[in-house]
Amino acid sequence: MSVKTIFRQILCWMDGTYRKIVAKNVRRFRQKLGLTQEGLAEKADMHWTYISGVERCKYNISLESIVRLAKALGRLPHELLK
């Protein structure tokens, strides 16, 4: 296996890992506030299907979206990444 292939596999693993962390934290903080996906979407000015996709690790979420979600959840952006 080439170094390039190994590097790609590591990047894919890291990408998936961080998506899972963000997904878990968005869902956890949303549920703590008693919000539905629709309620969070309204507060963050997003569509509920996007919130659903984030929580299912479907999207590679942008920094802007992380900031908007964190604000809607009353959290700091880095808290979604821990």
PDB file of N, CA and C in Angstrom:
ATOM      1  N   MET A   1       0.853  -1.171   0.000  1.00  0.00           N
ATOM      2  CA  MET A   1       0.000   0.000   0.000  1.00  0.00           C
ATOM      3  C   MET A   1       0.903   1.239   0.000  1.00  0.00           C
ATOM      4  N   SER A   2       0.562   2.202  -0.848  1.00  0.00           N
ATOM      5  CA  SER A   2       1.395   3.402  -0.949  1.00  0.00           C
ATOM      6  C   SER A   2       1.116   4.376   0.197  1.00  0.00           C
ATOM      7  N   VAL A   3       2.057   5.269   0.411  1.00  0.00           N
ATOM      8  CA  VAL A   3       1.910   6.290   1.448  1.00  0.00           C
ATOM      9  C   VAL A   3       0.693   7.166   1.137  1.00  0.00           C
ATOM     10  N   LYS A   4       0.496   7.457  -0.143  1.00  0.00           N
ATOM     11  CA  LYS A   4      -0.645   8.288  -0.572  1.00  0.00           C
ATOM     12  C   LYS A   4      -1.970   7.617  -0.191  1.00  0.00           C
ATOM     13  N   THR A   5      -2.079   6.334  -0.398  1.00  0.00           N
ATOM     14  CA  THR A   5      -3.292   5.583  -0.058  1.00  0.00           C
ATOM     15  C   THR A   5      -3.529   5.583   1.447  1.00  0.00           C
ATOM     16  N   ILE A   6      -2.479   5.360   2.203  1.00  0.00           N
ATOM     17  CA  ILE A   6      -2.593   5.361   3.670  1.00  0.00           C
ATOM     18  C   ILE A   6      -3.029   6.738   4.161  1.00  0.00           C
ATOM     19  N   PHE A   7      -2.429   7.787   3.597  1.00  0.00           N
ATOM     20  CA  PHE A   7      -2.777   9.151   3.976  1.00  0.00           C
ATOM     21  C   PHE A   7      -4.255   9.429   3.690  1.00  0.00           C
ATOM     22  N   ARG A   8      -4.733   9.006   2.535  1.00  0.00           N
ATOM     23  CA  ARG A   8      -6.159   9.189   2.193  1.00  0.00           C
ATOM     24  C   ARG A   8      -7.051   8.454   3.191  1.00  0.00           C
ATOM     25  N   GLN A   9      -6.685   7.246   3.565  1.00  0.00           N
ATOM     26  CA  GLN A   9      -7.482   6.479   4.519  1.00  0.00           C
ATOM     27  C   GLN A   9      -7.522   7.165   5.881  1.00  0.00           C
ATOM     28  N   ILE A  10      -6.388   7.715   6.303  1.00  0.00           N
ATOM     29  CA  ILE A  10      -6.344   8.433   7.586  1.00  0.00           C
ATOM     30  C   ILE A  10      -7.244   9.652   7.528  1.00  0.00           C
ATOM     31  N   LEU A  11      -7.173  10.411   6.426  1.00  0.00           N
ATOM     32  CA  LEU A  11      -8.023  11.597   6.282  1.00  0.00           C
ATOM     33  C   LEU A  11      -9.503  11.225   6.291  1.00  0.00           C
ATOM     34  N   CYS A  12      -9.863  10.155   5.610  1.00  0.00           N
ATOM     35  CA  CYS A  12     -11.266   9.709   5.602  1.00  0.00           C
ATOM     36  C   CYS A  12     -11.705   9.309   6.998  1.00  0.00           C
ATOM     37  N   TRP A  13     -10.852   8.604   7.731  1.00  0.00           N
ATOM     38  CA  TRP A  13     -11.191   8.201   9.090  1.00  0.00           C
ATOM     39  C   TRP A  13     -11.373   9.426   9.970  1.00  0.00           C
ATOM     40  N   MET A  14     -10.444  10.387   9.876  1.00  0.00           N
ATOM     41  CA  MET A  14     -10.537  11.596  10.698  1.00  0.00           C
ATOM     42  C   MET A  14     -11.797  12.370  10.356  1.00  0.00           C
ATOM     43  N   ASP A  15     -12.082  12.502   9.074  1.00  0.00           N
ATOM     44  CA  ASP A  15     -13.266  13.236   8.640  1.00  0.00           C
ATOM     45  C   ASP A  15     -14.521  12.599   9.223  1.00  0.00           C
ATOM     46  N   GLY A  16     -14.630  11.305   9.121  1.00  0.00           N
ATOM     47  CA  GLY A  16     -15.786  10.599   9.660  1.00  0.00           C
ATOM     48  C   GLY A  16     -15.871  10.705  11.167  1.00  0.00           C
ATOM     49  N   THR A  17     -14.735  10.676  11.840  1.00  0.00           N
ATOM     50  CA  THR A  17     -14.708  10.771  13.296  1.00  0.00           C
ATOM     51  C   THR A  17     -15.229  12.122  13.750  1.00  0.00           C
ATOM     52  N   TYR A  18     -14.753  13.188  13.136  1.00  0.00           N
ATOM     53  CA  TYR A  18     -15.205  14.523  13.534  1.00  0.00           C
ATOM     54  C   TYR A  18     -16.671  14.749  13.192  1.00  0.00           C
ATOM     55  N   ARG A  19     -17.124  14.198  12.097  1.00  0.00           N
ATOM     56  CA  ARG A  19     -18.551  14.284  11.772  1.00  0.00           C
ATOM     57  C   ARG A  19     -19.391  13.601  12.858  1.00  0.00           C
ATOM     58  N   LYS A  20     -18.914  12.454  13.326  1.00  0.00           N
ATOM     59  CA  LYS A  20     -19.641  11.735  14.376  1.00  0.00           C
ATOM     60  C   LYS A  20     -19.669  12.523  15.678  1.00  0.00           C
ATOM     61  N   ILE A  21     -18.564  13.168  15.999  1.00  0.00           N
ATOM     62  CA  ILE A  21     -18.496  13.974  17.228  1.00  0.00           C
ATOM     63  C   ILE A  21     -19.468  15.139  17.142  1.00  0.00           C
ATOM     64  N   VAL A  22     -19.453  15.856  16.021  1.00  0.00           N
ATOM     65  CA  VAL A  22     -20.378  16.988  15.843  1.00  0.00           C
ATOM     66  C   VAL A  22     -21.814  16.487  15.877  1.00  0.00           C
ATOM     67  N   ALA A  23     -22.098  15.404  15.200  1.00  0.00           N
ATOM     68  CA  ALA A  23     -23.455  14.849  15.167  1.00  0.00           C
ATOM     69  C   ALA A  23     -23.946  14.513  16.574  1.00  0.00           C
ATOM     70  N   LYS A  24     -23.101  13.832  17.333  1.00  0.00           N
ATOM     71  CA  LYS A  24     -23.467  13.443  18.698  1.00  0.00           C
ATOM     72  C   LYS A  24     -23.730  14.666  19.567  1.00  0.00           C
ATOM     73  N   ASN A  25     -22.866  15.666  19.452  1.00  0.00           N
ATOM     74  CA  ASN A  25     -23.013  16.860  20.284  1.00  0.00           C
ATOM     75  C   ASN A  25     -24.212  17.712  19.890  1.00  0.00           C
ATOM     76  N   VAL A  26     -24.467  17.864  18.606  1.00  0.00           N
ATOM     77  CA  VAL A  26     -25.645  18.625  18.172  1.00  0.00           C
ATOM     78  C   VAL A  26     -26.902  17.958  18.721  1.00  0.00           C
ATOM     79  N   ARG A  27     -27.009  16.650  18.562  1.00  0.00           N
ATOM     80  CA  ARG A  27     -28.189  15.931  19.059  1.00  0.00           C
ATOM     81  C   ARG A  27     -28.311  16.033  20.584  1.00  0.00           C
ATOM     82  N   ARG A  28     -27.192  15.862  21.279  1.00  0.00           N
ATOM     83  CA  ARG A  28     -27.206  15.901  22.749  1.00  0.00           C
ATOM     84  C   ARG A  28     -27.641  17.276  23.263  1.00  0.00           C
ATOM     85  N   PHE A  29     -27.035  18.335  22.726  1.00  0.00           N
ATOM     86  CA  PHE A  29     -27.382  19.694  23.174  1.00  0.00           C
ATOM     87  C   PHE A  29     -28.813  20.057  22.776  1.00  0.00           C
ATOM     88  N   ARG A  30     -29.235  19.626  21.593  1.00  0.00           N
ATOM     89  CA  ARG A  30     -30.609  19.895  21.140  1.00  0.00           C
ATOM     90  C   ARG A  30     -31.613  19.231  22.075  1.00  0.00           C
ATOM     91  N   GLN A  31     -31.367  17.980  22.405  1.00  0.00           N
ATOM     92  CA  GLN A  31     -32.279  17.248  23.278  1.00  0.00           C
ATOM     93  C   GLN A  31     -32.285  17.819  24.695  1.00  0.00           C
ATOM     94  N   LYS A  32     -31.117  18.283  25.178  1.00  0.00           N
ATOM     95  CA  LYS A  32     -31.059  18.913  26.504  1.00  0.00           C
ATOM     96  C   LYS A  32     -31.959  20.141  26.576  1.00  0.00           C
ATOM     97  N   LEU A  33     -32.052  20.857  25.446  1.00  0.00           N
ATOM     98  CA  LEU A  33     -32.899  22.053  25.396  1.00  0.00           C
ATOM     99  C   LEU A  33     -34.358  21.717  25.100  1.00  0.00           C
ATOM    100  N   GLY A  34     -34.632  20.454  24.840  1.00  0.00           N
ATOM    101  CA  GLY A  34     -35.996  20.041  24.530  1.00  0.00           C
ATOM    102  C   GLY A  34     -36.457  20.504  23.156  1.00  0.00           C
ATOM    103  N   LEU A  35     -35.505  20.700  22.259  1.00  0.00           N
ATOM    104  CA  LEU A  35     -35.831  21.168  20.905  1.00  0.00           C
ATOM    105  C   LEU A  35     -35.995  19.990  19.947  1.00  0.00           C
ATOM    106  N   THR A  36     -36.904  20.140  19.025  1.00  0.00           N
ATOM    107  CA  THR A  36     -36.998  19.203  17.907  1.00  0.00           C
ATOM    108  C   THR A  36     -35.987  19.638  16.856  1.00  0.00           C
ATOM    109  N   GLN A  37     -35.779  18.801  15.860  1.00  0.00           N
ATOM    110  CA  GLN A  37     -34.908  19.198  14.757  1.00  0.00           C
ATOM    111  C   GLN A  37     -35.484  20.428  14.057  1.00  0.00           C
ATOM    112  N   GLU A  38     -36.796  20.480  13.943  1.00  0.00           N
ATOM    113  CA  GLU A  38     -37.457  21.631  13.328  1.00  0.00           C
ATOM    114  C   GLU A  38     -37.237  22.900  14.150  1.00  0.00           C
ATOM    115  N   GLY A  39     -37.325  22.765  15.467  1.00  0.00           N
ATOM    116  CA  GLY A  39     -37.115  23.907  16.350  1.00  0.00           C
ATOM    117  C   GLY A  39     -35.700  24.444  16.270  1.00  0.00           C
ATOM    118  N   LEU A  40     -34.727  23.537  16.258  1.00  0.00           N
ATOM    119  CA  LEU A  40     -33.330  23.952  16.128  1.00  0.00           C
ATOM    120  C   LEU A  40     -33.096  24.595  14.764  1.00  0.00           C
ATOM    121  N   ALA A  41     -33.672  24.002  13.735  1.00  0.00           N
ATOM    122  CA  ALA A  41     -33.507  24.550  12.384  1.00  0.00           C
ATOM    123  C   ALA A  41     -34.037  25.979  12.308  1.00  0.00           C
ATOM    124  N   GLU A  42     -35.163  26.228  12.936  1.00  0.00           N
ATOM    125  CA  GLU A  42     -35.738  27.570  12.932  1.00  0.00           C
ATOM    126  C   GLU A  42     -34.811  28.559  13.642  1.00  0.00           C
ATOM    127  N   LYS A  43     -34.286  28.164  14.805  1.00  0.00           N
ATOM    128  CA  LYS A  43     -33.381  29.039  15.562  1.00  0.00           C
ATOM    129  C   LYS A  43     -32.081  29.311  14.817  1.00  0.00           C
ATOM    130  N   ALA A  44     -31.610  28.330  14.054  1.00  0.00           N
ATOM    131  CA  ALA A  44     -30.337  28.453  13.337  1.00  0.00           C
ATOM    132  C   ALA A  44     -30.527  28.960  11.907  1.00  0.00           C
ATOM    133  N   ASP A  45     -31.765  29.201  11.508  1.00  0.00           N
ATOM    134  CA  ASP A  45     -32.092  29.626  10.145  1.00  0.00           C
ATOM    135  C   ASP A  45     -31.563  28.628   9.116  1.00  0.00           C
ATOM    136  N   MET A  46     -31.924  27.362   9.374  1.00  0.00           N
ATOM    137  CA  MET A  46     -31.546  26.257   8.490  1.00  0.00           C
ATOM    138  C   MET A  46     -32.796  25.428   8.227  1.00  0.00           C
ATOM    139  N   HIS A  47     -32.698  24.482   7.328  1.00  0.00           N
ATOM    140  CA  HIS A  47     -33.820  23.579   7.051  1.00  0.00           C
ATOM    141  C   HIS A  47     -33.700  22.362   7.968  1.00  0.00           C
ATOM    142  N   TRP A  48     -34.836  21.836   8.413  1.00  0.00           N
ATOM    143  CA  TRP A  48     -34.803  20.706   9.350  1.00  0.00           C
ATOM    144  C   TRP A  48     -34.136  19.476   8.745  1.00  0.00           C
ATOM    145  N   THR A  49     -34.228  19.323   7.416  1.00  0.00           N
ATOM    146  CA  THR A  49     -33.597  18.155   6.796  1.00  0.00           C
ATOM    147  C   THR A  49     -32.071  18.247   6.881  1.00  0.00           C
ATOM    148  N   TYR A  50     -31.548  19.478   6.915  1.00  0.00           N
ATOM    149  CA  TYR A  50     -30.101  19.652   7.076  1.00  0.00           C
ATOM    150  C   TYR A  50     -29.685  19.246   8.488  1.00  0.00           C
ATOM    151  N   ILE A  51     -30.476  19.654   9.487  1.00  0.00           N
ATOM    152  CA  ILE A  51     -30.193  19.267  10.880  1.00  0.00           C
ATOM    153  C   ILE A  51     -30.204  17.744  10.989  1.00  0.00           C
ATOM    154  N   SER A  52     -31.197  17.130  10.388  1.00  0.00           N
ATOM    155  CA  SER A  52     -31.295  15.667  10.396  1.00  0.00           C
ATOM    156  C   SER A  52     -30.057  15.043   9.760  1.00  0.00           C
ATOM    157  N   GLY A  53     -29.622  15.604   8.637  1.00  0.00           N
ATOM    158  CA  GLY A  53     -28.433  15.088   7.955  1.00  0.00           C
ATOM    159  C   GLY A  53     -27.167  15.252   8.777  1.00  0.00           C
ATOM    160  N   VAL A  54     -27.040  16.381   9.466  1.00  0.00           N
ATOM    161  CA  VAL A  54     -25.881  16.609  10.331  1.00  0.00           C
ATOM    162  C   VAL A  54     -25.869  15.563  11.441  1.00  0.00           C
ATOM    163  N   GLU A  55     -27.021  15.323  12.046  1.00  0.00           N
ATOM    164  CA  GLU A  55     -27.098  14.355  13.151  1.00  0.00           C
ATOM    165  C   GLU A  55     -26.876  12.921  12.685  1.00  0.00           C
ATOM    166  N   ARG A  56     -27.029  12.669  11.395  1.00  0.00           N
ATOM    167  CA  ARG A  56     -26.790  11.324  10.849  1.00  0.00           C
ATOM    168  C   ARG A  56     -25.451  11.234  10.133  1.00  0.00           C
ATOM    169  N   CYS A  57     -24.597  12.255  10.282  1.00  0.00           N
ATOM    170  CA  CYS A  57     -23.260  12.296   9.674  1.00  0.00           C
ATOM    171  C   CYS A  57     -23.307  12.308   8.145  1.00  0.00           C
ATOM    172  N   LYS A  58     -24.374  12.822   7.588  1.00  0.00           N
ATOM    173  CA  LYS A  58     -24.519  12.822   6.137  1.00  0.00           C
ATOM    174  C   LYS A  58     -23.702  13.930   5.474  1.00  0.00           C
ATOM    175  N   TYR A  59     -23.530  15.045   6.185  1.00  0.00           N
ATOM    176  CA  TYR A  59     -22.873  16.208   5.593  1.00  0.00           C
ATOM    177  C   TYR A  59     -21.521  16.484   6.221  1.00  0.00           C
ATOM    178  N   ASN A  60     -20.638  17.009   5.413  1.00  0.00           N
ATOM    179  CA  ASN A  60     -19.367  17.527   5.890  1.00  0.00           C
ATOM    180  C   ASN A  60     -19.647  18.984   6.230  1.00  0.00           C
ATOM    181  N   ILE A  61     -19.979  19.257   7.454  1.00  0.00           N
ATOM    182  CA  ILE A  61     -20.499  20.542   7.892  1.00  0.00           C
ATOM    183  C   ILE A  61     -19.446  21.648   7.796  1.00  0.00           C
ATOM    184  N   SER A  62     -19.877  22.826   7.369  1.00  0.00           N
ATOM    185  CA  SER A  62     -18.958  23.956   7.236  1.00  0.00           C
ATOM    186  C   SER A  62     -18.758  24.654   8.580  1.00  0.00           C
ATOM    187  N   LEU A  63     -17.719  25.445   8.648  1.00  0.00           N
ATOM    188  CA  LEU A  63     -17.451  26.217   9.857  1.00  0.00           C
ATOM    189  C   LEU A  63     -18.607  27.184  10.133  1.00  0.00           C
ATOM    190  N   GLU A  64     -19.126  27.800   9.095  1.00  0.00           N
ATOM    191  CA  GLU A  64     -20.254  28.722   9.253  1.00  0.00           C
ATOM    192  C   GLU A  64     -21.457  28.005   9.870  1.00  0.00           C
ATOM    193  N   SER A  65     -21.737  26.808   9.412  1.00  0.00           N
ATOM    194  CA  SER A  65     -22.866  26.041   9.956  1.00  0.00           C
ATOM    195  C   SER A  65     -22.622  25.646  11.405  1.00  0.00           C
ATOM    196  N   ILE A  66     -21.379  25.304  11.746  1.00  0.00           N
ATOM    197  CA  ILE A  66     -21.050  24.979  13.132  1.00  0.00           C
ATOM    198  C   ILE A  66     -21.314  26.191  14.027  1.00  0.00           C
ATOM    199  N   VAL A  67     -20.906  27.366  13.566  1.00  0.00           N
ATOM    200  CA  VAL A  67     -21.114  28.589  14.344  1.00  0.00           C
ATOM    201  C   VAL A  67     -22.607  28.873  14.511  1.00  0.00           C
ATOM    202  N   ARG A  68     -23.377  28.752  13.445  1.00  0.00           N
ATOM    203  CA  ARG A  68     -24.826  29.006  13.516  1.00  0.00           C
ATOM    204  C   ARG A  68     -25.519  28.018  14.451  1.00  0.00           C
ATOM    205  N   LEU A  69     -25.152  26.750  14.361  1.00  0.00           N
ATOM    206  CA  LEU A  69     -25.753  25.750  15.240  1.00  0.00           C
ATOM    207  C   LEU A  69     -25.369  25.989  16.694  1.00  0.00           C
ATOM    208  N   ALA A  70     -24.108  26.287  16.932  1.00  0.00           N
ATOM    209  CA  ALA A  70     -23.646  26.548  18.301  1.00  0.00           C
ATOM    210  C   ALA A  70     -24.414  27.722  18.898  1.00  0.00           C
ATOM    211  N   LYS A  71     -24.565  28.792  18.146  1.00  0.00           N
ATOM    212  CA  LYS A  71     -25.299  29.969  18.619  1.00  0.00           C
ATOM    213  C   LYS A  71     -26.750  29.601  18.942  1.00  0.00           C
ATOM    214  N   ALA A  72     -27.378  28.838  18.067  1.00  0.00           N
ATOM    215  CA  ALA A  72     -28.775  28.426  18.278  1.00  0.00           C
ATOM    216  C   ALA A  72     -28.912  27.524  19.500  1.00  0.00           C
ATOM    217  N   LEU A  73     -27.859  26.777  19.808  1.00  0.00           N
ATOM    218  CA  LEU A  73     -27.869  25.873  20.960  1.00  0.00           C
ATOM    219  C   LEU A  73     -27.372  26.541  22.243  1.00  0.00           C
ATOM    220  N   GLY A  74     -26.965  27.812  22.139  1.00  0.00           N
ATOM    221  CA  GLY A  74     -26.453  28.525  23.308  1.00  0.00           C
ATOM    222  C   GLY A  74     -25.099  28.012  23.746  1.00  0.00           C
ATOM    223  N   ARG A  75     -24.307  27.565  22.789  1.00  0.00           N
ATOM    224  CA  ARG A  75     -22.979  27.002  23.066  1.00  0.00           C
ATOM    225  C   ARG A  75     -21.914  27.753  22.281  1.00  0.00           C
ATOM    226  N   LEU A  76     -20.667  27.510  22.618  1.00  0.00           N
ATOM    227  CA  LEU A  76     -19.562  28.018  21.828  1.00  0.00           C
ATOM    228  C   LEU A  76     -19.240  26.984  20.755  1.00  0.00           C
ATOM    229  N   PRO A  77     -18.782  27.434  19.586  1.00  0.00           N
ATOM    230  CA  PRO A  77     -18.536  26.485  18.483  1.00  0.00           C
ATOM    231  C   PRO A  77     -17.616  25.321  18.859  1.00  0.00           C
ATOM    232  N   HIS A  78     -16.589  25.588  19.647  1.00  0.00           N
ATOM    233  CA  HIS A  78     -15.655  24.482  19.981  1.00  0.00           C
ATOM    234  C   HIS A  78     -16.324  23.388  20.803  1.00  0.00           C
ATOM    235  N   GLU A  79     -17.427  23.705  21.472  1.00  0.00           N
ATOM    236  CA  GLU A  79     -18.111  22.682  22.267  1.00  0.00           C
ATOM    237  C   GLU A  79     -18.759  21.617  21.390  1.00  0.00           C
ATOM    238  N   LEU A  80     -19.031  21.942  20.137  1.00  0.00           N
ATOM    239  CA  LEU A  80     -19.582  20.953  19.218  1.00  0.00           C
ATOM    240  C   LEU A  80     -18.510  20.002  18.689  1.00  0.00           C
ATOM    241  N   LEU A  81     -17.256  20.376  18.885  1.00  0.00           N
ATOM    242  CA  LEU A  81     -16.147  19.578  18.368  1.00  0.00           C
ATOM    243  C   LEU A  81     -15.440  18.741  19.422  1.00  0.00           C
ATOM    244  N   LYS A  82     -15.889  18.822  20.674  1.00  0.00           N
ATOM    245  CA  LYS A  82     -15.223  18.085  21.762  1.00  0.00           C
ATOM    246  C   LYS A  82     -15.855  16.716  21.946  1.00  0.00           C
TER     247      LYS A  82
END
